[in-house]
């Protein structure tokens, strides 16, 4: 039996080289190859598609309703990650929710800096709206993809597009000022995200641009008009306060907001669900949140 639990995940992470010591190409390759240990189940069909001109993967669980969709925006600091690195996670959530998952391969920085990722995500959403009714769509993302989830909703709102039924942010990166207390208070507990790493990815994405601009730092945006929001974050993350700040801003303008802080969990622990019970439970909670809103 494979070792399970958060201690096993931490041990696995401790053996990995620090991303700050690697080239961007090395980080991207390692990230995409890491999921070889977590293959997509045979009962989830995978198809390469294009959505709004953006390459994407369509993941269809056998029991999925074909009229309901999850747009999943992968994490990776806006500079790494892909459908390949996150298909197992997006597929698991989709399977539990009984929906189709659509995982875009949005353009990455620094080759394509801000707002390329937002532009791509908005193009995807426009296309998905042609295929599914808004009340049958959910949008989710982890880490940078969590911030991008809010950013694309803001862009869609400002463009006059209808909102989806639900949004889910997993360990979202929402504040590029990196000024909250958890950045220092949780640094000794977080085995994945470091201030050094965030500065690197931030520079790739926005360079010397305004760190409070809403589509890059959605925690500083006016969130009025956004759909019901679920935020899940680990108690041991330096990004903990990014989630708290986002939740406070959402509640302040009347958004139906659920913030879950999972004790002792690390950044995007969901990704390790094949070896982590808390990952399975978190994915199940996301699926329930989706089902309740998609059926409303």
Protein backbone atom coordinates (compact mmCIF):
# COMPACT_ATOMS: atom_id res chain seq x y z
CA UNK A 1 0.00 0.00 0.00
CA UNK A 2 1.29 3.45 -0.87
CA UNK A 3 1.96 5.75 2.04
CA UNK A 4 -0.83 8.27 2.51
CA UNK A 5 -1.47 11.43 4.46
CA UNK A 6 -0.13 14.94 4.68
CA UNK A 7 3.14 13.75 6.23
CA UNK A 8 3.75 11.56 3.18
CA UNK A 9 2.99 14.48 0.86
CA UNK A 10 5.38 16.73 2.76
CA UNK A 11 8.08 14.06 2.59
CA UNK A 12 7.57 13.76 -1.15
CA UNK A 13 7.82 17.52 -1.60
CA UNK A 14 10.97 17.75 0.51
CA UNK A 15 12.79 15.58 -2.04
CA UNK A 16 12.03 17.90 -4.94
CA UNK A 17 14.51 20.56 -6.09
CA UNK A 18 13.57 24.14 -5.31
CA UNK A 19 11.92 25.82 -8.27
CA UNK A 20 13.98 28.96 -7.67
CA UNK A 21 17.08 26.95 -8.55
CA UNK A 22 15.65 25.75 -11.88
CA UNK A 23 15.12 27.32 -15.27
CA UNK A 24 11.60 28.08 -16.37
CA UNK A 25 11.67 25.26 -18.93
CA UNK A 26 12.80 22.82 -16.24
CA UNK A 27 9.99 23.85 -13.91
CA UNK A 28 7.43 23.47 -16.68
CA UNK A 29 8.68 20.03 -17.68
CA UNK A 30 8.77 18.75 -14.10
CA UNK A 31 5.27 20.06 -13.40
CA UNK A 32 3.76 18.40 -16.46
CA UNK A 33 5.53 15.10 -15.80
CA UNK A 34 4.65 15.01 -12.10
CA UNK A 35 1.15 13.75 -12.78
CA UNK A 36 2.40 10.55 -14.35
CA UNK A 37 1.96 9.15 -10.85
CA UNK A 38 -1.71 10.20 -10.98
CA UNK A 39 -3.06 9.04 -14.38
CA UNK A 40 -6.52 9.95 -15.57
CA UNK A 41 -8.98 7.12 -14.78
CA UNK A 42 -10.19 5.02 -17.69
CA UNK A 43 -13.78 6.13 -17.11
CA UNK A 44 -12.94 9.75 -17.99
CA UNK A 45 -12.62 10.39 -21.72
CA UNK A 46 -10.13 13.02 -22.86
CA UNK A 47 -10.40 15.06 -26.04
CA UNK A 48 -8.27 17.91 -27.35
CA UNK A 49 -10.44 20.84 -28.40
CA UNK A 50 -10.27 24.58 -29.00
CA UNK A 51 -12.41 27.08 -27.10
CA UNK A 52 -12.43 30.61 -28.41
CA UNK A 53 -9.22 29.84 -30.26
CA UNK A 54 -7.52 28.61 -27.08
CA UNK A 55 -6.27 24.99 -26.97
CA UNK A 56 -8.00 22.98 -24.26
CA UNK A 57 -8.83 19.51 -23.02
CA UNK A 58 -12.38 18.28 -22.65
CA UNK A 59 -12.71 15.66 -19.91
CA UNK A 60 -15.95 13.69 -19.93
CA UNK A 61 -16.68 11.26 -17.08
CA UNK A 62 -18.90 8.35 -18.11
CA UNK A 63 -21.80 9.46 -15.90
CA UNK A 64 -21.47 13.18 -16.66
CA UNK A 65 -24.40 15.33 -17.68
CA UNK A 66 -23.49 16.67 -21.09
CA UNK A 67 -25.36 19.94 -20.48
CA UNK A 68 -23.27 21.02 -17.46
CA UNK A 69 -19.67 22.19 -17.59
CA UNK A 70 -16.79 23.08 -15.32
CA UNK A 71 -14.18 25.47 -16.72
CA UNK A 72 -11.01 24.64 -14.80
CA UNK A 73 -8.13 27.15 -14.82
CA UNK A 74 -4.89 25.49 -13.80
CA UNK A 75 -2.37 26.97 -11.39
CA UNK A 76 1.34 27.47 -11.82
CA UNK A 77 2.13 31.10 -11.09
CA UNK A 78 0.92 32.22 -14.54
CA UNK A 79 4.22 30.89 -15.88
CA UNK A 80 3.87 27.12 -15.69
CA UNK A 81 1.20 24.43 -15.54
CA UNK A 82 -1.11 23.14 -18.27
CA UNK A 83 -4.04 20.79 -18.83
CA UNK A 84 -1.48 17.98 -18.57
CA UNK A 85 -0.44 18.96 -15.05
CA UNK A 86 -4.02 19.31 -13.82
CA UNK A 87 -6.19 16.90 -15.80
CA UNK A 88 -6.28 14.39 -12.91
CA UNK A 89 -7.56 17.08 -10.53
CA UNK A 90 -10.06 18.64 -12.91
CA UNK A 91 -11.23 15.19 -13.93
CA UNK A 92 -11.80 14.08 -10.35
CA UNK A 93 -13.86 17.15 -9.49
CA UNK A 94 -15.86 16.79 -12.71
CA UNK A 95 -16.50 13.11 -12.04
CA UNK A 96 -17.72 13.79 -8.51
CA UNK A 97 -19.96 16.61 -9.74
CA UNK A 98 -21.20 14.69 -12.77
CA UNK A 99 -20.21 17.36 -15.29
CA UNK A 100 -17.90 17.88 -18.25
CA UNK A 101 -14.56 19.58 -17.47
CA UNK A 102 -12.96 22.04 -19.87
CA UNK A 103 -9.30 22.80 -19.11
CA UNK A 104 -7.82 25.62 -21.22
CA UNK A 105 -4.13 25.91 -22.05
CA UNK A 106 -4.02 29.66 -21.60
CA UNK A 107 -0.88 31.52 -22.62
CA UNK A 108 1.90 31.68 -20.04
CA UNK A 109 4.24 34.43 -18.89
CA UNK A 110 6.84 35.77 -19.41
CA UNK A 111 6.39 35.05 -23.12
CA UNK A 112 2.80 36.27 -22.80
CA UNK A 113 2.51 38.57 -19.78
CA UNK A 114 -0.60 40.10 -18.22
CA UNK A 115 -3.31 40.35 -19.44
CA UNK A 116 -2.84 37.44 -21.88
CA UNK A 117 -4.14 34.83 -19.42
CA UNK A 118 -7.24 36.91 -18.70
CA UNK A 119 -7.85 37.50 -22.40
CA UNK A 120 -7.61 33.77 -23.10
CA UNK A 121 -9.87 32.82 -20.20
CA UNK A 122 -12.46 35.35 -21.35
CA UNK A 123 -12.33 34.00 -24.91
CA UNK A 124 -12.89 30.51 -23.50
CA UNK A 125 -15.84 31.67 -21.41
CA UNK A 126 -17.46 33.39 -24.39
CA UNK A 127 -17.22 30.17 -26.38
CA UNK A 128 -18.52 28.02 -23.53
CA UNK A 129 -21.53 30.34 -23.23
CA UNK A 130 -22.41 29.38 -26.80
CA UNK A 131 -22.48 25.70 -25.83
CA UNK A 132 -23.96 25.77 -22.31
CA UNK A 133 -26.50 27.97 -20.55
CA UNK A 134 -24.94 30.21 -17.85
CA UNK A 135 -26.80 28.44 -15.05
CA UNK A 136 -25.15 25.17 -16.07
CA UNK A 137 -21.58 26.48 -15.93
CA UNK A 138 -19.12 26.64 -13.03
CA UNK A 139 -15.63 28.14 -13.10
CA UNK A 140 -12.84 26.96 -10.82
CA UNK A 141 -9.10 27.30 -10.51
CA UNK A 142 -6.20 26.76 -8.15
CA UNK A 143 -3.40 29.10 -7.08
CA UNK A 144 -2.82 31.51 -9.98
CA UNK A 145 -5.79 29.83 -11.62
CA UNK A 146 -7.84 30.78 -8.57
CA UNK A 147 -6.93 34.41 -9.06
CA UNK A 148 -7.62 34.03 -12.77
CA UNK A 149 -11.05 32.62 -11.94
CA UNK A 150 -12.01 35.89 -10.26
CA UNK A 151 -10.28 37.97 -12.93
CA UNK A 152 -12.20 36.37 -15.79
CA UNK A 153 -15.47 36.82 -13.92
CA UNK A 154 -14.67 40.52 -13.50
CA UNK A 155 -13.81 40.81 -17.19
CA UNK A 156 -16.99 38.96 -18.16
CA UNK A 157 -19.12 41.13 -15.88
CA UNK A 158 -17.61 44.32 -17.30
CA UNK A 159 -18.23 43.01 -20.83
CA UNK A 160 -21.91 42.53 -20.02
CA UNK A 161 -21.78 38.73 -20.15
CA UNK A 162 -24.01 36.59 -17.91
CA UNK A 163 -22.43 35.07 -14.83
CA UNK A 164 -22.02 31.31 -14.34
CA UNK A 165 -23.83 29.47 -11.57
CA UNK A 166 -20.81 29.14 -9.28
CA UNK A 167 -17.13 29.91 -8.83
CA UNK A 168 -14.55 27.98 -6.84
CA UNK A 169 -11.11 29.21 -5.79
CA UNK A 170 -8.58 26.68 -4.48
CA UNK A 171 -5.68 28.27 -2.58
CA UNK A 172 -6.04 31.36 -4.77
CA UNK A 173 -3.28 33.89 -5.42
CA UNK A 174 -5.28 37.11 -5.36
CA UNK A 175 -2.99 39.83 -4.00
CA UNK A 176 0.22 40.67 -5.85
CA UNK A 177 1.27 43.15 -3.18
CA UNK A 178 2.16 40.15 -0.99
CA UNK A 179 1.71 42.38 2.04
CA UNK A 180 -0.48 40.27 4.34
CA UNK A 181 0.70 38.77 7.61
CA UNK A 182 0.46 35.14 6.47
CA UNK A 183 3.34 35.68 4.05
CA UNK A 184 5.67 35.75 7.04
CA UNK A 185 3.64 33.97 9.71
CA UNK A 186 3.14 30.83 7.60
CA UNK A 187 6.50 30.79 5.81
CA UNK A 188 7.96 28.14 8.11
CA UNK A 189 4.98 25.83 7.56
CA UNK A 190 4.51 26.11 3.78
CA UNK A 191 6.57 23.48 1.91
CA UNK A 192 5.60 24.72 -1.55
CA UNK A 193 5.16 28.45 -1.89
CA UNK A 194 7.88 30.92 -0.93
CA UNK A 195 8.11 34.66 -1.11
CA UNK A 196 11.10 34.24 -3.40
CA UNK A 197 9.06 32.13 -5.77
CA UNK A 198 6.08 34.48 -5.77
CA UNK A 199 8.31 37.44 -6.59
CA UNK A 200 9.71 35.48 -9.54
CA UNK A 201 6.29 34.63 -10.94
CA UNK A 202 4.95 38.11 -10.26
CA UNK A 203 7.80 39.67 -12.21
CA UNK A 204 7.14 37.28 -15.10
CA UNK A 205 3.45 38.15 -15.15
CA UNK A 206 3.12 41.88 -14.44
CA UNK A 207 6.73 43.09 -14.43
CA UNK A 208 6.81 46.54 -12.87
CA UNK A 209 3.08 47.07 -13.39
CA UNK A 210 0.57 48.10 -10.74
CA UNK A 211 0.38 45.33 -8.16
CA UNK A 212 -3.15 46.36 -7.20
CA UNK A 213 -4.69 46.36 -10.67
CA UNK A 214 -7.95 44.41 -10.29
CA UNK A 215 -7.46 41.81 -13.02
CA UNK A 216 -4.03 40.87 -11.63
CA UNK A 217 -4.89 41.29 -7.93
CA UNK A 218 -8.62 40.58 -7.78
CA UNK A 219 -8.64 40.84 -3.99
CA UNK A 220 -8.39 44.60 -4.61
CA UNK A 221 -11.29 44.66 -7.09
CA UNK A 222 -14.93 45.59 -6.74
CA UNK A 223 -16.51 42.12 -6.76
CA UNK A 224 -20.11 43.26 -7.06
CA UNK A 225 -22.21 41.04 -9.30
CA UNK A 226 -20.10 37.89 -9.11
CA UNK A 227 -21.71 34.45 -8.61
CA UNK A 228 -21.74 32.34 -5.43
CA UNK A 229 -18.17 31.68 -4.38
CA UNK A 230 -16.44 28.81 -2.57
CA UNK A 231 -12.88 29.43 -1.36
CA UNK A 232 -10.78 26.61 0.07
CA UNK A 233 -7.34 27.28 1.54
CA UNK A 234 -4.89 25.38 3.70
CA UNK A 235 -4.08 26.57 7.19
CA UNK A 236 -0.34 26.18 6.55
CA UNK A 237 -0.18 28.34 3.41
CA UNK A 238 1.53 31.69 3.08
CA UNK A 239 -1.37 32.57 0.75
CA UNK A 240 -3.89 32.07 3.58
CA UNK A 241 -4.60 35.78 3.88
CA UNK A 242 -5.16 36.09 0.12
CA UNK A 243 -8.22 33.89 0.61
CA UNK A 244 -9.38 35.75 3.70
CA UNK A 245 -9.05 39.10 1.94
CA UNK A 246 -10.96 37.81 -1.09
CA UNK A 247 -13.74 36.42 1.10
CA UNK A 248 -14.04 39.68 3.04
CA UNK A 249 -14.26 41.72 -0.15
CA UNK A 250 -16.87 39.36 -1.63
CA UNK A 251 -19.06 39.35 1.48
CA UNK A 252 -18.85 43.14 1.72
CA UNK A 253 -20.73 43.45 -1.58
CA UNK A 254 -23.26 40.72 -0.83
CA UNK A 255 -21.71 37.78 -2.66
CA UNK A 256 -22.81 34.38 -1.33
CA UNK A 257 -19.38 33.34 -0.07
CA UNK A 258 -18.12 30.21 1.68
CA UNK A 259 -14.56 30.30 3.05
CA UNK A 260 -13.10 26.98 4.23
CA UNK A 261 -9.73 26.99 6.01
CA UNK A 262 -8.46 23.42 6.22
CA UNK A 263 -6.14 22.94 9.23
CA UNK A 264 -2.61 21.66 8.50
CA UNK A 265 -3.26 21.56 4.77
CA UNK A 266 -0.78 22.93 2.26
CA UNK A 267 -1.05 24.81 -1.02
CA UNK A 268 -3.53 23.09 -3.37
CA UNK A 269 -3.56 19.87 -1.32
CA UNK A 270 -6.37 18.76 -3.62
CA UNK A 271 -3.73 17.98 -6.27
CA UNK A 272 -2.53 15.07 -4.10
CA UNK A 273 -5.95 13.50 -3.62
CA UNK A 274 -4.79 10.03 -4.77
CA UNK A 275 -2.64 9.88 -1.62
CA UNK A 276 -4.44 12.32 0.66
CA UNK A 277 -7.85 11.77 2.24
CA UNK A 278 -8.27 15.50 2.85
CA UNK A 279 -7.76 16.06 -0.87
CA UNK A 280 -10.60 13.67 -1.66
CA UNK A 281 -12.86 15.35 0.89
CA UNK A 282 -12.06 18.81 -0.43
CA UNK A 283 -12.81 17.73 -4.00
CA UNK A 284 -16.07 16.20 -2.82
CA UNK A 285 -17.01 19.46 -1.09
CA UNK A 286 -16.32 21.37 -4.30
CA UNK A 287 -18.48 18.94 -6.24
CA UNK A 288 -21.36 19.34 -3.78
CA UNK A 289 -21.09 23.13 -3.95
CA UNK A 290 -21.31 22.88 -7.72
CA UNK A 291 -24.21 20.44 -7.76
CA UNK A 292 -26.23 22.57 -5.36
CA UNK A 293 -25.77 25.68 -7.51
CA UNK A 294 -26.03 24.05 -10.93
CA UNK A 295 -29.33 22.47 -9.91
CA UNK A 296 -30.76 25.67 -8.46
